[in-house]
Amino acid sequence: VRDAIKAQFGGQGDSTQDPYTMIFKMYDSDENGVLDKGELMGMIKQLGLQIEDEEVAQIVDAADVDGNQSLNVHEFKIFFKPPDIEETGTKSSGGASKRTRGGGAAG
């Protein structure tokens, strides 16, 4: 899913807004500031990927830091943004760090 997001949207955005924030807002259809499982499923399917409800639930479980069963923009960016890209959209000069929550896999 990360690769599909990067391929589809990686070059979008302007100097004032991170492309991952733009993607998040594009799929937050009810504009409540979080992506629920249905909105995330819609995003993934629109990217042309086949995914099951259980897999979407696993993504949410892995990325949901605050435990509300949905992803806010910060959780979305931590999970989906490639680890070698900083907030400015440039590659970091240090080694890539693995993002995990509670000892789980980065996905």
Protein backbone atom coordinates (compact mmCIF):
# COMPACT_ATOMS: atom_id res chain seq x y z
CA VAL A 1 0.00 0.00 0.00
CA ARG A 2 2.85 2.39 0.82
CA ASP A 3 4.39 1.87 -2.61
CA ALA A 4 1.05 2.50 -4.34
CA ILE A 5 0.54 5.73 -2.39
CA LYS A 6 4.05 6.91 -3.20
CA ALA A 7 3.65 6.01 -6.88
CA GLN A 8 0.24 7.67 -7.17
CA PHE A 9 0.78 10.76 -5.05
CA GLY A 10 4.50 11.08 -4.27
CA GLY A 11 5.11 14.05 -6.53
CA GLN A 12 1.98 15.96 -5.63
CA GLY A 13 1.79 18.85 -3.26
CA ASP A 14 3.11 22.34 -3.08
CA SER A 15 5.70 23.89 -0.83
CA THR A 16 3.10 24.70 1.84
CA GLN A 17 1.43 21.31 2.32
CA ASP A 18 2.85 17.84 2.69
CA PRO A 19 1.50 15.48 -0.01
CA TYR A 20 0.54 12.90 2.63
CA THR A 21 -1.62 15.51 4.39
CA MET A 22 -3.27 16.26 1.05
CA ILE A 23 -3.93 12.54 0.48
CA PHE A 24 -5.39 12.22 3.96
CA LYS A 25 -7.75 15.15 3.40
CA MET A 26 -8.76 13.81 0.00
CA TYR A 27 -10.02 10.56 1.53
CA ASP A 28 -11.47 11.98 4.76
CA SER A 29 -14.87 12.10 3.08
CA ASP A 30 -16.84 13.18 6.16
CA GLU A 31 -14.13 15.75 7.06
CA ASN A 32 -14.03 14.66 10.70
CA GLY A 33 -10.23 14.63 10.89
CA VAL A 34 -9.83 10.84 10.90
CA LEU A 35 -9.91 8.05 8.35
CA ASP A 36 -12.13 5.21 9.45
CA LYS A 37 -11.80 1.70 8.04
CA GLY A 38 -14.30 2.43 5.26
CA GLU A 39 -12.46 5.56 4.11
CA LEU A 40 -9.14 3.73 4.22
CA MET A 41 -10.65 0.84 2.23
CA GLY A 42 -11.91 3.33 -0.37
CA MET A 43 -8.47 4.89 -0.69
CA ILE A 44 -6.75 1.53 -1.13
CA LYS A 45 -9.29 0.31 -3.68
CA GLN A 46 -9.04 3.58 -5.62
CA LEU A 47 -5.31 2.92 -5.86
CA GLY A 48 -6.24 -0.28 -7.70
CA LEU A 49 -5.25 -2.67 -4.93
CA GLN A 50 -7.30 -5.65 -3.83
CA ILE A 51 -7.65 -5.83 -0.07
CA GLU A 52 -9.89 -7.62 2.38
CA ASP A 53 -11.68 -6.03 5.35
CA GLU A 54 -9.44 -8.00 7.70
CA GLU A 55 -6.32 -6.51 6.08
CA VAL A 56 -7.69 -2.98 6.47
CA ALA A 57 -8.41 -3.75 10.12
CA GLN A 58 -4.81 -4.93 10.53
CA ILE A 59 -3.50 -1.69 9.02
CA VAL A 60 -5.66 0.37 11.37
CA ASP A 61 -4.61 -1.74 14.37
CA ALA A 62 -0.93 -1.28 13.47
CA ALA A 63 -1.16 2.47 12.83
CA ASP A 64 -3.74 3.56 15.42
CA VAL A 65 -1.69 5.03 18.26
CA ASP A 66 -4.56 6.52 20.28
CA GLY A 67 -6.79 3.43 20.08
CA ASN A 68 -9.86 5.05 18.51
CA GLN A 69 -10.03 2.52 15.63
CA SER A 70 -9.33 5.23 13.04
CA LEU A 71 -6.29 7.16 11.80
CA ASN A 72 -5.71 10.85 12.35
CA VAL A 73 -3.38 12.65 9.95
CA HIS A 74 -0.35 12.14 12.21
CA GLU A 75 -0.94 8.38 12.51
CA PHE A 76 -1.55 8.17 8.75
CA LYS A 77 1.71 9.92 7.94
CA ILE A 78 3.76 7.89 10.44
CA PHE A 79 2.45 4.64 8.98
CA PHE A 80 2.36 5.41 5.25
CA LYS A 81 5.20 7.85 4.66
CA PRO A 82 8.39 6.04 3.66
CA PRO A 83 10.85 6.10 6.56
CA ASP A 84 13.55 7.94 4.60
CA ILE A 85 11.40 11.02 3.93
CA GLU A 86 11.24 13.80 6.49
CA GLU A 87 8.43 16.31 6.90
CA THR A 88 9.99 18.55 4.24
CA GLY A 89 9.76 15.74 1.71
CA THR A 90 13.51 15.33 1.42
CA LYS A 91 15.54 12.23 2.15
CA SER A 92 17.04 12.20 5.60
CA SER A 93 20.79 12.17 5.97
CA GLY A 94 20.75 9.55 8.72
CA GLY A 95 19.81 5.89 8.59
CA ALA A 96 16.19 4.96 8.12
CA SER A 97 14.49 4.19 11.38
CA LYS A 98 11.90 1.46 11.63
CA ARG A 99 8.55 2.71 12.81
CA THR A 100 6.83 0.43 15.24
CA ARG A 101 4.17 0.76 17.89
CA GLY A 102 4.20 -1.34 20.98
CA GLY A 103 6.82 -3.68 19.60
CA GLY A 104 4.76 -4.60 16.55
CA ALA A 105 6.00 -4.69 12.99
CA ALA A 106 6.12 -1.51 10.94
CA GLY A 107 3.92 -3.19 8.33
